[in-house]
C-alpha atoms as a PDB file:
ATOM      1  CA  UNK A   1      44.566  15.308 -25.345  1.00  0.00           C
ATOM      2  CA  UNK A   2      43.006  15.011 -22.370  1.00  0.00           C
ATOM      3  CA  UNK A   3      46.058  15.526 -19.727  1.00  0.00           C
ATOM      4  CA  UNK A   4      46.409  19.346 -21.862  1.00  0.00           C
ATOM      5  CA  UNK A   5      42.378  19.398 -21.658  1.00  0.00           C
ATOM      6  CA  UNK A   6      42.989  18.931 -17.732  1.00  0.00           C
ATOM      7  CA  UNK A   7      45.194  21.321 -17.532  1.00  0.00           C
ATOM      8  CA  UNK A   8      43.192  24.615 -19.288  1.00  0.00           C
ATOM      9  CA  UNK A   9      45.984  24.461 -22.498  1.00  0.00           C
ATOM     10  CA  UNK A  10      43.425  23.861 -25.175  1.00  0.00           C
ATOM     11  CA  UNK A  11      45.746  24.619 -28.367  1.00  0.00           C
ATOM     12  CA  UNK A  12      47.864  22.217 -27.333  1.00  0.00           C
ATOM     13  CA  UNK A  13      44.772  19.651 -26.552  1.00  0.00           C
ATOM     14  CA  UNK A  14      43.960  20.799 -30.355  1.00  0.00           C
ATOM     15  CA  UNK A  15      47.451  20.069 -32.019  1.00  0.00           C
ATOM     16  CA  UNK A  16      47.724  16.438 -30.357  1.00  0.00           C
ATOM     17  CA  UNK A  17      43.841  15.768 -32.259  1.00  0.00           C
ATOM     18  CA  UNK A  18      45.281  17.340 -35.471  1.00  0.00           C
ATOM     19  CA  UNK A  19      48.777  14.852 -35.285  1.00  0.00           C
ATOM     20  CA  UNK A  20      46.063  11.998 -34.700  1.00  0.00           C
ATOM     21  CA  UNK A  21      47.001   9.268 -37.711  1.00  0.00           C
ATOM     22  CA  UNK A  22      42.967   8.452 -37.351  1.00  0.00           C
ATOM     23  CA  UNK A  23      40.996  11.654 -38.307  1.00  0.00           C
ATOM     24  CA  UNK A  24      38.030   9.809 -39.281  1.00  0.00           C
ATOM     25  CA  UNK A  25      37.153   8.253 -36.736  1.00  0.00           C
ATOM     26  CA  UNK A  26      34.380   8.926 -33.784  1.00  0.00           C
ATOM     27  CA  UNK A  27      37.740   8.691 -31.092  1.00  0.00           C
ATOM     28  CA  UNK A  28      39.348  12.246 -32.468  1.00  0.00           C
ATOM     29  CA  UNK A  29      36.072  13.772 -34.009  1.00  0.00           C
ATOM     30  CA  UNK A  30      34.724  14.020 -30.410  1.00  0.00           C
ATOM     31  CA  UNK A  31      38.348  15.702 -28.917  1.00  0.00           C
ATOM     32  CA  UNK A  32      38.104  18.704 -32.151  1.00  0.00           C
ATOM     33  CA  UNK A  33      34.788  19.536 -30.058  1.00  0.00           C
ATOM     34  CA  UNK A  34      35.622  20.277 -26.755  1.00  0.00           C
ATOM     35  CA  UNK A  35      39.067  21.895 -27.758  1.00  0.00           C
ATOM     36  CA  UNK A  36      37.119  23.983 -30.556  1.00  0.00           C
ATOM     37  CA  UNK A  37      34.995  25.119 -27.667  1.00  0.00           C
ATOM     38  CA  UNK A  38      36.882  26.136 -25.489  1.00  0.00           C
ATOM     39  CA  UNK A  39      39.075  28.215 -28.006  1.00  0.00           C
ATOM     40  CA  UNK A  40      35.615  29.757 -28.378  1.00  0.00           C
ATOM     41  CA  UNK A  41      35.712  28.593 -32.329  1.00  0.00           C
ATOM     42  CA  UNK A  42      31.888  27.300 -32.469  1.00  0.00           C
ATOM     43  CA  UNK A  43      31.666  27.355 -35.774  1.00  0.00           C
ATOM     44  CA  UNK A  44      34.533  24.467 -36.096  1.00  0.00           C
ATOM     45  CA  UNK A  45      33.452  22.372 -32.840  1.00  0.00           C
ATOM     46  CA  UNK A  46      29.820  22.326 -34.185  1.00  0.00           C
ATOM     47  CA  UNK A  47      31.383  21.015 -37.684  1.00  0.00           C
ATOM     48  CA  UNK A  48      33.145  18.210 -35.678  1.00  0.00           C
ATOM     49  CA  UNK A  49      30.019  17.118 -33.960  1.00  0.00           C
ATOM     50  CA  UNK A  50      28.546  16.971 -37.101  1.00  0.00           C
ATOM     51  CA  UNK A  51      31.402  14.554 -38.359  1.00  0.00           C
ATOM     52  CA  UNK A  52      30.790  12.814 -35.729  1.00  0.00           C
ATOM     53  CA  UNK A  53      27.085  12.292 -35.868  1.00  0.00           C
ATOM     54  CA  UNK A  54      28.129  11.118 -39.510  1.00  0.00           C
ATOM     55  CA  UNK A  55      30.173   8.513 -38.010  1.00  0.00           C
ATOM     56  CA  UNK A  56      27.529   7.220 -35.011  1.00  0.00           C
ATOM     57  CA  UNK A  57      24.050   8.594 -35.806  1.00  0.00           C
ATOM     58  CA  UNK A  58      23.288   8.237 -32.061  1.00  0.00           C
ATOM     59  CA  UNK A  59      26.157  10.313 -31.087  1.00  0.00           C
ATOM     60  CA  UNK A  60      24.829  12.986 -28.302  1.00  0.00           C
ATOM     61  CA  UNK A  61      26.606  14.433 -25.418  1.00  0.00           C
ATOM     62  CA  UNK A  62      24.916  11.975 -23.034  1.00  0.00           C
ATOM     63  CA  UNK A  63      26.839   9.173 -25.225  1.00  0.00           C
ATOM     64  CA  UNK A  64      29.783  11.604 -24.517  1.00  0.00           C
ATOM     65  CA  UNK A  65      29.341  11.093 -20.761  1.00  0.00           C
ATOM     66  CA  UNK A  66      29.208   7.048 -21.416  1.00  0.00           C
ATOM     67  CA  UNK A  67      32.419   6.979 -23.588  1.00  0.00           C
ATOM     68  CA  UNK A  68      34.770   8.719 -20.435  1.00  0.00           C
ATOM     69  CA  UNK A  69      32.679   7.319 -18.006  1.00  0.00           C
ATOM     70  CA  UNK A  70      33.819   3.757 -19.820  1.00  0.00           C
ATOM     71  CA  UNK A  71      36.813   5.253 -19.555  1.00  0.00           C
ATOM     72  CA  UNK A  72      36.967   5.581 -16.331  1.00  0.00           C
ATOM     73  CA  UNK A  73      37.538   9.364 -16.042  1.00  0.00           C
ATOM     74  CA  UNK A  74      36.764  11.192 -12.884  1.00  0.00           C
ATOM     75  CA  UNK A  75      33.322  12.476 -12.818  1.00  0.00           C
ATOM     76  CA  UNK A  76      34.490  16.609 -12.108  1.00  0.00           C
ATOM     77  CA  UNK A  77      36.672  16.004 -15.163  1.00  0.00           C
ATOM     78  CA  UNK A  78      33.329  14.489 -17.066  1.00  0.00           C
ATOM     79  CA  UNK A  79      31.481  17.400 -15.936  1.00  0.00           C
ATOM     80  CA  UNK A  80      33.818  19.539 -17.026  1.00  0.00           C
ATOM     81  CA  UNK A  81      34.913  18.216 -20.611  1.00  0.00           C
ATOM     82  CA  UNK A  82      30.570  18.361 -21.074  1.00  0.00           C
ATOM     83  CA  UNK A  83      30.714  21.672 -20.566  1.00  0.00           C
ATOM     84  CA  UNK A  84      32.824  22.267 -23.625  1.00  0.00           C
ATOM     85  CA  UNK A  85      30.132  20.389 -25.255  1.00  0.00           C
ATOM     86  CA  UNK A  86      28.023  22.645 -23.982  1.00  0.00           C
ATOM     87  CA  UNK A  87      29.623  25.685 -24.995  1.00  0.00           C
ATOM     88  CA  UNK A  88      29.058  24.592 -28.733  1.00  0.00           C
ATOM     89  CA  UNK A  89      25.341  24.080 -28.094  1.00  0.00           C
ATOM     90  CA  UNK A  90      25.054  20.475 -27.171  1.00  0.00           C
ATOM     91  CA  UNK A  91      23.870  19.790 -23.898  1.00  0.00           C
ATOM     92  CA  UNK A  92      22.878  16.454 -22.258  1.00  0.00           C
END
């Protein structure tokens, strides 16, 4: 997902997420938010953000940043990923 996202291949990023065997976990759901936002499907992005909150009531764009930092993503990638969240209406 992240490699396709980084390349701007958002449909491919979405396809990878769709193929994940554990659809109900937070780590899968947060990826939908960014991919759908980039594809202009904001209702679907927001639907999956709500699912993130159902799994973890403390979920937010700021928490997304923390997760990406935990996995040592470079700051430029984190900023770009969070721009997708902002497109869906979720800012830090």
